[in-house]
Amino acid sequence: MIFDDTQCQLGEGPLWHPEREQLFWFDILGHRLHTKGKHWQFDTYVSAAGWVDRDTLLIASARALHRFDITTGEHVELCPLEADNKVTRSNDGRADPQGGFWIGTMGIEAEEGAGAIYRYYKGELRQLYAPITISNAICFAPDGKTAYFTDTPTQQIMRVELDADGWPRDESQLHIDLTGTDFRPDGAVVDTEGNLWNAQWGAARVAGYAPDGSFIKAYDFPAQQTSCPAFGGPDRNTLYCTSAAVGLDGPDEGKTFAVTTDITGQKEYRVIL
């Protein structure tokens, strides 16, 4: 079940690169991008990525979106992201079916309402939702018509209908209500059947929900602070999950896990710059 035994302080943003057949993930607090057997060190928080081509990632840092060369480790800034706001950093993010990249921000100390959710699409960065305290669960239905997201402290995963270019067309609506439970929604991903798989912080699990929001089942992991899932592997039926060691001292906290499932994940979408 342990895919990589590196203990991340705040493991996040797993991305299965479909052309390289390779998993990338981040340690936000460690300022690192990881892949198995290797990491790249940054000078600030990095949290999420999308793939542009075989050798290029779009990476979100605390202050900008960057074009990152996997082969050389070099990166150049594409556009600023709350560059003048020293309170915030990037957090959860994912590419959408139309080739856009959604990225959330939050306060470095989780300051209430300090963050927002943005979309970068063909060179334009536009704010979609604010205020947000802890942006998470950004993911998309396979038909490209629905996006999901959460502000973790609300314990509510929202859905919003998208237009043909991937921009929200209406107000967001409640999709999954976890209020009154011990489940705090963190990162999420949607499979090919439209089921949403959500890592739940503090609950040591990734839980699945049908398109109507009803609970399906959960996969348990040996780390309390499960943070974000991703589907990958040759058949896209491996469920990866990052976790966070911050504040904990268990032997498997902060490690990255993998379990074979009977689910097929969507291929991660290419970001169009």
C-alpha atoms as a PDB file:
ATOM      1  CA  MET A   1       0.000   0.000   0.000  1.00  0.00           C
ATOM      2  CA  ILE A   2       2.935   2.359   0.564  1.00  0.00           C
ATOM      3  CA  PHE A   3       3.928   3.763  -2.829  1.00  0.00           C
ATOM      4  CA  ASP A   4       6.673   6.040  -1.516  1.00  0.00           C
ATOM      5  CA  ASP A   5       7.933   6.203   2.057  1.00  0.00           C
ATOM      6  CA  THR A   6       9.075   9.831   1.922  1.00  0.00           C
ATOM      7  CA  GLN A   7       7.337  11.541   4.833  1.00  0.00           C
ATOM      8  CA  CYS A   8       5.882  14.820   3.592  1.00  0.00           C
ATOM      9  CA  GLN A   9       4.915  17.462   6.100  1.00  0.00           C
ATOM     10  CA  LEU A  10       1.974  18.318   3.851  1.00  0.00           C
ATOM     11  CA  GLY A  11       1.747  15.916   0.936  1.00  0.00           C
ATOM     12  CA  GLU A  12      -0.631  17.222  -1.738  1.00  0.00           C
ATOM     13  CA  GLY A  13      -1.439  17.531  -5.430  1.00  0.00           C
ATOM     14  CA  PRO A  14      -0.737  14.026  -6.808  1.00  0.00           C
ATOM     15  CA  LEU A  15      -0.727  14.028 -10.612  1.00  0.00           C
ATOM     16  CA  TRP A  16      -0.430  10.959 -12.844  1.00  0.00           C
ATOM     17  CA  HIS A  17       1.246  12.158 -16.041  1.00  0.00           C
ATOM     18  CA  PRO A  18      -0.439  10.072 -18.771  1.00  0.00           C
ATOM     19  CA  GLU A  19       2.367  10.372 -21.330  1.00  0.00           C
ATOM     20  CA  ARG A  20       5.212   9.663 -18.916  1.00  0.00           C
ATOM     21  CA  GLU A  21       3.151   7.165 -16.848  1.00  0.00           C
ATOM     22  CA  GLN A  22       4.701   8.777 -13.780  1.00  0.00           C
ATOM     23  CA  LEU A  23       3.290  10.131 -10.525  1.00  0.00           C
ATOM     24  CA  PHE A  24       4.233  13.592  -9.280  1.00  0.00           C
ATOM     25  CA  TRP A  25       3.201  15.080  -5.939  1.00  0.00           C
ATOM     26  CA  PHE A  26       4.131  17.928  -3.602  1.00  0.00           C
ATOM     27  CA  ASP A  27       5.206  18.580  -0.051  1.00  0.00           C
ATOM     28  CA  ILE A  28       3.746  22.053   0.304  1.00  0.00           C
ATOM     29  CA  LEU A  29       5.460  22.893   3.585  1.00  0.00           C
ATOM     30  CA  GLY A  30       8.744  21.386   2.382  1.00  0.00           C
ATOM     31  CA  HIS A  31       8.649  23.504  -0.826  1.00  0.00           C
ATOM     32  CA  ARG A  32       9.218  20.354  -2.905  1.00  0.00           C
ATOM     33  CA  LEU A  33       7.917  18.587  -5.991  1.00  0.00           C
ATOM     34  CA  HIS A  34       8.355  14.817  -5.731  1.00  0.00           C
ATOM     35  CA  THR A  35       8.423  11.844  -8.018  1.00  0.00           C
ATOM     36  CA  LYS A  36       9.547   8.379  -7.009  1.00  0.00           C
ATOM     37  CA  GLY A  37      13.254   8.475  -6.215  1.00  0.00           C
ATOM     38  CA  LYS A  38      13.687  12.192  -6.916  1.00  0.00           C
ATOM     39  CA  HIS A  39      12.569  15.650  -5.821  1.00  0.00           C
ATOM     40  CA  TRP A  40      12.977  19.268  -6.871  1.00  0.00           C
ATOM     41  CA  GLN A  41      13.425  22.000  -4.268  1.00  0.00           C
ATOM     42  CA  PHE A  42      11.693  25.389  -4.617  1.00  0.00           C
ATOM     43  CA  ASP A  43      12.179  28.603  -2.659  1.00  0.00           C
ATOM     44  CA  THR A  44       8.495  28.912  -1.733  1.00  0.00           C
ATOM     45  CA  TYR A  45       5.340  26.854  -1.322  1.00  0.00           C
ATOM     46  CA  VAL A  46       4.332  24.726  -4.332  1.00  0.00           C
ATOM     47  CA  SER A  47       1.111  22.777  -4.249  1.00  0.00           C
ATOM     48  CA  ALA A  48      -0.497  21.609  -7.511  1.00  0.00           C
ATOM     49  CA  ALA A  49       0.265  20.880 -11.153  1.00  0.00           C
ATOM     50  CA  GLY A  50      -1.171  20.074 -14.539  1.00  0.00           C
ATOM     51  CA  TRP A  51       0.661  18.568 -17.505  1.00  0.00           C
ATOM     52  CA  VAL A  52       1.341  20.624 -20.641  1.00  0.00           C
ATOM     53  CA  ASP A  53       3.335  18.115 -22.665  1.00  0.00           C
ATOM     54  CA  ARG A  54       5.621  15.167 -22.014  1.00  0.00           C
ATOM     55  CA  ASP A  55       8.352  17.264 -20.413  1.00  0.00           C
ATOM     56  CA  THR A  56       6.409  20.261 -19.110  1.00  0.00           C
ATOM     57  CA  LEU A  57       4.209  20.893 -16.092  1.00  0.00           C
ATOM     58  CA  LEU A  58       2.208  23.923 -15.051  1.00  0.00           C
ATOM     59  CA  ILE A  59       2.996  24.403 -11.349  1.00  0.00           C
ATOM     60  CA  ALA A  60       1.242  26.647  -8.844  1.00  0.00           C
ATOM     61  CA  SER A  61       3.426  28.325  -6.230  1.00  0.00           C
ATOM     62  CA  ALA A  62       2.585  30.790  -3.479  1.00  0.00           C
ATOM     63  CA  ARG A  63       2.997  33.740  -5.836  1.00  0.00           C
ATOM     64  CA  ALA A  64       2.626  32.573  -9.447  1.00  0.00           C
ATOM     65  CA  LEU A  65       1.844  29.921 -12.008  1.00  0.00           C
ATOM     66  CA  HIS A  66       5.034  28.517 -13.535  1.00  0.00           C
ATOM     67  CA  ARG A  67       6.022  26.542 -16.615  1.00  0.00           C
ATOM     68  CA  PHE A  68       8.286  23.764 -15.292  1.00  0.00           C
ATOM     69  CA  ASP A  69      10.700  21.662 -17.363  1.00  0.00           C
ATOM     70  CA  ILE A  70      10.817  18.149 -15.901  1.00  0.00           C
ATOM     71  CA  THR A  71      14.090  17.279 -17.646  1.00  0.00           C
ATOM     72  CA  THR A  72      16.075  20.316 -16.466  1.00  0.00           C
ATOM     73  CA  GLY A  73      14.186  21.475 -13.387  1.00  0.00           C
ATOM     74  CA  GLU A  74      14.040  25.005 -14.781  1.00  0.00           C
ATOM     75  CA  HIS A  75      10.865  27.031 -14.380  1.00  0.00           C
ATOM     76  CA  VAL A  76       9.626  30.356 -15.697  1.00  0.00           C
ATOM     77  CA  GLU A  77       6.717  32.439 -14.457  1.00  0.00           C
ATOM     78  CA  LEU A  78       3.583  32.445 -16.611  1.00  0.00           C
ATOM     79  CA  CYS A  79       1.448  34.792 -14.541  1.00  0.00           C
ATOM     80  CA  PRO A  80       1.283  36.112 -10.980  1.00  0.00           C
ATOM     81  CA  LEU A  81      -1.064  34.530  -8.444  1.00  0.00           C
ATOM     82  CA  GLU A  82      -1.837  36.822  -5.495  1.00  0.00           C
ATOM     83  CA  ALA A  83       1.787  37.943  -5.822  1.00  0.00           C
ATOM     84  CA  ASP A  84       1.292  40.989  -3.586  1.00  0.00           C
ATOM     85  CA  ASN A  85      -0.529  39.081  -0.852  1.00  0.00           C
ATOM     86  CA  LYS A  86       1.957  37.777   1.715  1.00  0.00           C
ATOM     87  CA  VAL A  87      -0.812  36.121   3.747  1.00  0.00           C
ATOM     88  CA  THR A  88      -1.742  33.469   1.183  1.00  0.00           C
ATOM     89  CA  ARG A  89      -0.309  30.531  -0.737  1.00  0.00           C
ATOM     90  CA  SER A  90      -1.636  28.190  -3.403  1.00  0.00           C
ATOM     91  CA  ASN A  91      -3.355  24.971  -2.369  1.00  0.00           C
ATOM     92  CA  ASP A  92      -5.529  22.547  -4.340  1.00  0.00           C
ATOM     93  CA  GLY A  93      -5.643  22.602  -8.148  1.00  0.00           C
ATOM     94  CA  ARG A  94      -6.439  20.499 -11.220  1.00  0.00           C
ATOM     95  CA  ALA A  95      -6.789  20.791 -15.010  1.00  0.00           C
ATOM     96  CA  ASP A  96     -10.314  20.729 -16.443  1.00  0.00           C
ATOM     97  CA  PRO A  97     -11.529  18.903 -19.587  1.00  0.00           C
ATOM     98  CA  GLN A  98     -11.439  22.118 -21.633  1.00  0.00           C
ATOM     99  CA  GLY A  99      -7.734  22.619 -20.921  1.00  0.00           C
ATOM    100  CA  GLY A 100      -8.059  25.200 -18.168  1.00  0.00           C
ATOM    101  CA  PHE A 101      -6.372  24.985 -14.782  1.00  0.00           C
ATOM    102  CA  TRP A 102      -8.302  25.678 -11.579  1.00  0.00           C
ATOM    103  CA  ILE A 103      -6.209  26.723  -8.592  1.00  0.00           C
ATOM    104  CA  GLY A 104      -7.239  27.601  -5.066  1.00  0.00           C
ATOM    105  CA  THR A 105      -5.434  29.734  -2.518  1.00  0.00           C
ATOM    106  CA  MET A 106      -5.631  29.944   1.274  1.00  0.00           C
ATOM    107  CA  GLY A 107      -4.015  31.725   4.173  1.00  0.00           C
ATOM    108  CA  ILE A 108      -0.631  30.328   5.179  1.00  0.00           C
ATOM    109  CA  GLU A 109      -2.038  30.049   8.713  1.00  0.00           C
ATOM    110  CA  ALA A 110      -5.517  29.134   7.373  1.00  0.00           C
ATOM    111  CA  GLU A 111      -6.776  32.644   8.041  1.00  0.00           C
ATOM    112  CA  GLU A 112     -10.544  32.752   7.651  1.00  0.00           C
ATOM    113  CA  GLY A 113     -11.665  33.902   4.218  1.00  0.00           C
ATOM    114  CA  ALA A 114      -8.159  34.788   3.024  1.00  0.00           C
ATOM    115  CA  GLY A 115      -8.202  32.613  -0.094  1.00  0.00           C
ATOM    116  CA  ALA A 116     -10.011  32.278  -3.398  1.00  0.00           C
ATOM    117  CA  ILE A 117     -10.434  29.931  -6.366  1.00  0.00           C
ATOM    118  CA  TYR A 118      -9.174  30.942  -9.825  1.00  0.00           C
ATOM    119  CA  ARG A 119      -9.133  29.516 -13.326  1.00  0.00           C
ATOM    120  CA  TYR A 120      -6.251  29.930 -15.769  1.00  0.00           C
ATOM    121  CA  TYR A 121      -7.350  29.436 -19.375  1.00  0.00           C
ATOM    122  CA  LYS A 122      -5.340  30.224 -22.501  1.00  0.00           C
ATOM    123  CA  GLY A 123      -3.302  32.908 -20.797  1.00  0.00           C
ATOM    124  CA  GLU A 124      -6.043  34.485 -18.673  1.00  0.00           C
ATOM    125  CA  LEU A 125      -6.273  34.112 -14.887  1.00  0.00           C
ATOM    126  CA  ARG A 126      -9.765  34.910 -13.574  1.00  0.00           C
ATOM    127  CA  GLN A 127     -11.021  34.768  -9.995  1.00  0.00           C
ATOM    128  CA  LEU A 128     -14.100  32.555  -9.665  1.00  0.00           C
ATOM    129  CA  TYR A 129     -14.918  32.291  -5.960  1.00  0.00           C
ATOM    130  CA  ALA A 130     -14.019  34.316  -2.867  1.00  0.00           C
ATOM    131  CA  PRO A 131     -13.737  34.448   0.046  1.00  0.00           C
ATOM    132  CA  ILE A 132     -12.470  30.906   0.590  1.00  0.00           C
ATOM    133  CA  THR A 133     -10.723  29.702   3.753  1.00  0.00           C
ATOM    134  CA  ILE A 134      -9.235  26.339   2.621  1.00  0.00           C
ATOM    135  CA  SER A 135      -9.709  25.604  -1.094  1.00  0.00           C
ATOM    136  CA  ASN A 136     -10.001  21.914  -1.918  1.00  0.00           C
ATOM    137  CA  ALA A 137     -11.737  19.127  -3.881  1.00  0.00           C
ATOM    138  CA  ILE A 138     -11.318  20.789  -7.290  1.00  0.00           C
ATOM    139  CA  CYS A 139     -12.312  18.152  -9.862  1.00  0.00           C
ATOM    140  CA  PHE A 140     -14.515  17.665 -12.905  1.00  0.00           C
ATOM    141  CA  ALA A 141     -17.212  15.413 -14.321  1.00  0.00           C
ATOM    142  CA  PRO A 142     -16.019  13.417 -17.359  1.00  0.00           C
ATOM    143  CA  ASP A 143     -18.440  15.188 -19.719  1.00  0.00           C
ATOM    144  CA  GLY A 144     -16.802  18.530 -18.863  1.00  0.00           C
ATOM    145  CA  LYS A 145     -20.132  20.079 -17.848  1.00  0.00           C
ATOM    146  CA  THR A 146     -19.701  20.133 -14.056  1.00  0.00           C
ATOM    147  CA  ALA A 147     -16.968  21.258 -11.680  1.00  0.00           C
ATOM    148  CA  TYR A 148     -16.710  20.464  -7.975  1.00  0.00           C
ATOM    149  CA  PHE A 149     -14.920  22.265  -5.158  1.00  0.00           C
ATOM    150  CA  THR A 150     -15.058  22.840  -1.408  1.00  0.00           C
ATOM    151  CA  ASP A 151     -14.105  25.282   1.280  1.00  0.00           C
ATOM    152  CA  THR A 152     -13.017  22.586   3.746  1.00  0.00           C
ATOM    153  CA  PRO A 153     -14.272  24.182   7.000  1.00  0.00           C
ATOM    154  CA  THR A 154     -17.813  24.317   5.591  1.00  0.00           C
ATOM    155  CA  GLN A 155     -17.776  20.494   5.170  1.00  0.00           C
ATOM    156  CA  GLN A 156     -19.758  20.976   1.964  1.00  0.00           C
ATOM    157  CA  ILE A 157     -18.654  19.939  -1.516  1.00  0.00           C
ATOM    158  CA  MET A 158     -20.232  22.197  -4.116  1.00  0.00           C
ATOM    159  CA  ARG A 159     -20.982  21.693  -7.806  1.00  0.00           C
ATOM    160  CA  VAL A 160     -21.310  24.215 -10.602  1.00  0.00           C
ATOM    161  CA  GLU A 161     -22.390  23.839 -14.215  1.00  0.00           C
ATOM    162  CA  LEU A 162     -19.856  24.875 -16.868  1.00  0.00           C
ATOM    163  CA  ASP A 163     -20.250  26.380 -20.308  1.00  0.00           C
ATOM    164  CA  ALA A 164     -18.571  25.051 -23.461  1.00  0.00           C
ATOM    165  CA  ASP A 165     -15.330  26.886 -22.625  1.00  0.00           C
ATOM    166  CA  GLY A 166     -15.281  25.585 -19.063  1.00  0.00           C
ATOM    167  CA  TRP A 167     -16.369  28.756 -17.243  1.00  0.00           C
ATOM    168  CA  PRO A 168     -19.070  28.551 -14.545  1.00  0.00           C
ATOM    169  CA  ARG A 169     -22.464  29.369 -16.039  1.00  0.00           C
ATOM    170  CA  ASP A 170     -24.557  29.507 -12.825  1.00  0.00           C
ATOM    171  CA  GLU A 171     -24.250  29.839  -9.068  1.00  0.00           C
ATOM    172  CA  SER A 172     -22.725  26.858  -7.266  1.00  0.00           C
ATOM    173  CA  GLN A 173     -25.051  24.345  -5.582  1.00  0.00           C
ATOM    174  CA  LEU A 174     -24.611  21.970  -2.654  1.00  0.00           C
ATOM    175  CA  HIS A 175     -23.506  18.513  -3.850  1.00  0.00           C
ATOM    176  CA  ILE A 176     -22.275  16.565  -0.798  1.00  0.00           C
ATOM    177  CA  ASP A 177     -23.121  17.696   2.728  1.00  0.00           C
ATOM    178  CA  LEU A 178     -20.746  16.417   5.426  1.00  0.00           C
ATOM    179  CA  THR A 179     -21.802  18.879   8.112  1.00  0.00           C
ATOM    180  CA  GLY A 180     -22.445  17.199  11.447  1.00  0.00           C
ATOM    181  CA  THR A 181     -19.907  14.441  10.659  1.00  0.00           C
ATOM    182  CA  ASP A 182     -16.218  13.967  11.416  1.00  0.00           C
ATOM    183  CA  PHE A 183     -15.368  14.108   7.698  1.00  0.00           C
ATOM    184  CA  ARG A 184     -13.534  17.181   6.404  1.00  0.00           C
ATOM    185  CA  PRO A 185     -13.301  17.202   2.613  1.00  0.00           C
ATOM    186  CA  ASP A 186      -9.812  17.667   1.213  1.00  0.00           C
ATOM    187  CA  GLY A 187      -8.639  16.881  -2.332  1.00  0.00           C
ATOM    188  CA  ALA A 188     -10.865  14.968  -4.747  1.00  0.00           C
ATOM    189  CA  VAL A 189     -10.937  13.363  -8.179  1.00  0.00           C
ATOM    190  CA  VAL A 190     -13.729  12.021 -10.415  1.00  0.00           C
ATOM    191  CA  ASP A 191     -13.655   8.618 -12.146  1.00  0.00           C
ATOM    192  CA  THR A 192     -14.914   7.732 -15.621  1.00  0.00           C
ATOM    193  CA  GLU A 193     -18.383   6.927 -14.266  1.00  0.00           C
ATOM    194  CA  GLY A 194     -18.729  10.361 -12.694  1.00  0.00           C
ATOM    195  CA  ASN A 195     -18.199   9.189  -9.109  1.00  0.00           C
ATOM    196  CA  LEU A 196     -16.294  11.628  -6.877  1.00  0.00           C
ATOM    197  CA  TRP A 197     -13.497  10.275  -4.656  1.00  0.00           C
ATOM    198  CA  ASN A 198     -12.655  12.553  -1.747  1.00  0.00           C
ATOM    199  CA  ALA A 199      -9.723  12.400   0.677  1.00  0.00           C
ATOM    200  CA  GLN A 200     -11.037  13.265   4.121  1.00  0.00           C
ATOM    201  CA  TRP A 201      -8.595  15.037   6.419  1.00  0.00           C
ATOM    202  CA  GLY A 202      -8.321  13.397   9.825  1.00  0.00           C
ATOM    203  CA  ALA A 203     -10.359  10.355   8.786  1.00  0.00           C
ATOM    204  CA  ALA A 204      -7.620   8.219   7.146  1.00  0.00           C
ATOM    205  CA  ARG A 205      -9.728   7.500   4.095  1.00  0.00           C
ATOM    206  CA  VAL A 206     -10.781   8.327   0.553  1.00  0.00           C
ATOM    207  CA  ALA A 207     -14.553   8.167   0.244  1.00  0.00           C
ATOM    208  CA  GLY A 208     -16.539   7.682  -2.957  1.00  0.00           C
ATOM    209  CA  TYR A 209     -19.818   9.402  -3.843  1.00  0.00           C
ATOM    210  CA  ALA A 210     -22.126   8.730  -6.783  1.00  0.00           C
ATOM    211  CA  PRO A 211     -23.149  11.510  -9.202  1.00  0.00           C
ATOM    212  CA  ASP A 212     -26.252  12.089  -7.057  1.00  0.00           C
ATOM    213  CA  GLY A 213     -24.051  12.663  -3.994  1.00  0.00           C
ATOM    214  CA  SER A 214     -24.845   9.379  -2.257  1.00  0.00           C
ATOM    215  CA  PHE A 215     -22.046   7.484  -0.492  1.00  0.00           C
ATOM    216  CA  ILE A 216     -20.611   4.434  -2.292  1.00  0.00           C
ATOM    217  CA  LYS A 217     -17.683   3.127  -0.249  1.00  0.00           C
ATOM    218  CA  ALA A 218     -14.363   4.224   1.224  1.00  0.00           C
ATOM    219  CA  TYR A 219     -10.744   3.105   1.003  1.00  0.00           C
ATOM    220  CA  ASP A 220      -8.846   3.291   4.303  1.00  0.00           C
ATOM    221  CA  PHE A 221      -5.181   4.294   4.558  1.00  0.00           C
ATOM    222  CA  PRO A 222      -2.635   4.028   7.414  1.00  0.00           C
ATOM    223  CA  ALA A 223      -2.249   7.798   7.733  1.00  0.00           C
ATOM    224  CA  GLN A 224      -4.692  10.008   9.572  1.00  0.00           C
ATOM    225  CA  GLN A 225      -4.369  13.135   7.447  1.00  0.00           C
ATOM    226  CA  THR A 226      -5.231  11.830   3.976  1.00  0.00           C
ATOM    227  CA  SER A 227      -5.031  14.864   1.705  1.00  0.00           C
ATOM    228  CA  CYS A 228      -5.574  14.182  -2.008  1.00  0.00           C
ATOM    229  CA  PRO A 229      -6.271  11.216  -4.342  1.00  0.00           C
ATOM    230  CA  ALA A 230      -5.321  10.571  -7.959  1.00  0.00           C
ATOM    231  CA  PHE A 231      -5.971   7.698 -10.343  1.00  0.00           C
ATOM    232  CA  GLY A 232      -3.070   6.331 -12.362  1.00  0.00           C
ATOM    233  CA  GLY A 233      -1.204   3.253 -13.457  1.00  0.00           C
ATOM    234  CA  PRO A 234      -1.344   1.611 -16.900  1.00  0.00           C
ATOM    235  CA  ASP A 235      -5.080   0.907 -16.567  1.00  0.00           C
ATOM    236  CA  ARG A 236      -5.812   4.001 -14.417  1.00  0.00           C
ATOM    237  CA  ASN A 237      -7.221   1.732 -11.706  1.00  0.00           C
ATOM    238  CA  THR A 238      -4.572   2.507  -9.094  1.00  0.00           C
ATOM    239  CA  LEU A 239      -5.795   4.944  -6.465  1.00  0.00           C
ATOM    240  CA  TYR A 240      -2.920   7.048  -5.134  1.00  0.00           C
ATOM    241  CA  CYS A 241      -3.299   9.163  -2.011  1.00  0.00           C
ATOM    242  CA  THR A 242      -0.993  11.690  -0.374  1.00  0.00           C
ATOM    243  CA  SER A 243      -0.985  12.452   3.337  1.00  0.00           C
ATOM    244  CA  ALA A 244       0.469  14.919   5.833  1.00  0.00           C
ATOM    245  CA  ALA A 245       2.759  14.290   8.790  1.00  0.00           C
ATOM    246  CA  VAL A 246       2.430  17.789  10.250  1.00  0.00           C
ATOM    247  CA  GLY A 247       1.457  17.592  13.909  1.00  0.00           C
ATOM    248  CA  LEU A 248       1.657  13.785  13.997  1.00  0.00           C
ATOM    249  CA  ASP A 249       4.390  11.244  14.759  1.00  0.00           C
ATOM    250  CA  GLY A 250       3.068   7.915  13.416  1.00  0.00           C
ATOM    251  CA  PRO A 251       5.421   5.831  11.233  1.00  0.00           C
ATOM    252  CA  ASP A 252       3.333   6.157   8.052  1.00  0.00           C
ATOM    253  CA  GLU A 253       2.067   9.721   8.420  1.00  0.00           C
ATOM    254  CA  GLY A 254       3.004  11.856   5.425  1.00  0.00           C
ATOM    255  CA  LYS A 255       3.699   8.953   3.094  1.00  0.00           C
ATOM    256  CA  THR A 256       2.138   8.439  -0.330  1.00  0.00           C
ATOM    257  CA  PHE A 257      -0.012   5.345  -0.831  1.00  0.00           C
ATOM    258  CA  ALA A 258      -1.348   3.263  -3.713  1.00  0.00           C
ATOM    259  CA  VAL A 259      -4.116   0.679  -3.831  1.00  0.00           C
ATOM    260  CA  THR A 260      -5.481  -1.301  -6.776  1.00  0.00           C
ATOM    261  CA  THR A 261      -9.213  -0.769  -7.241  1.00  0.00           C
ATOM    262  CA  ASP A 262     -12.114  -1.854  -9.440  1.00  0.00           C
ATOM    263  CA  ILE A 263     -12.478   1.779 -10.572  1.00  0.00           C
ATOM    264  CA  THR A 264     -11.166   3.444 -13.721  1.00  0.00           C
ATOM    265  CA  GLY A 265     -10.007   7.015 -13.302  1.00  0.00           C
ATOM    266  CA  GLN A 266     -10.166   9.712 -15.928  1.00  0.00           C
ATOM    267  CA  LYS A 267      -7.012  10.503 -17.837  1.00  0.00           C
ATOM    268  CA  GLU A 268      -5.605  13.744 -16.451  1.00  0.00           C
ATOM    269  CA  TYR A 269      -6.376  16.570 -18.834  1.00  0.00           C
ATOM    270  CA  ARG A 270      -3.713  18.575 -20.661  1.00  0.00           C
ATOM    271  CA  VAL A 271      -3.391  22.253 -19.763  1.00  0.00           C
ATOM    272  CA  ILE A 272      -3.617  24.555 -22.764  1.00  0.00           C
ATOM    273  CA  LEU A 273      -1.279  27.493 -22.277  1.00  0.00           C
END
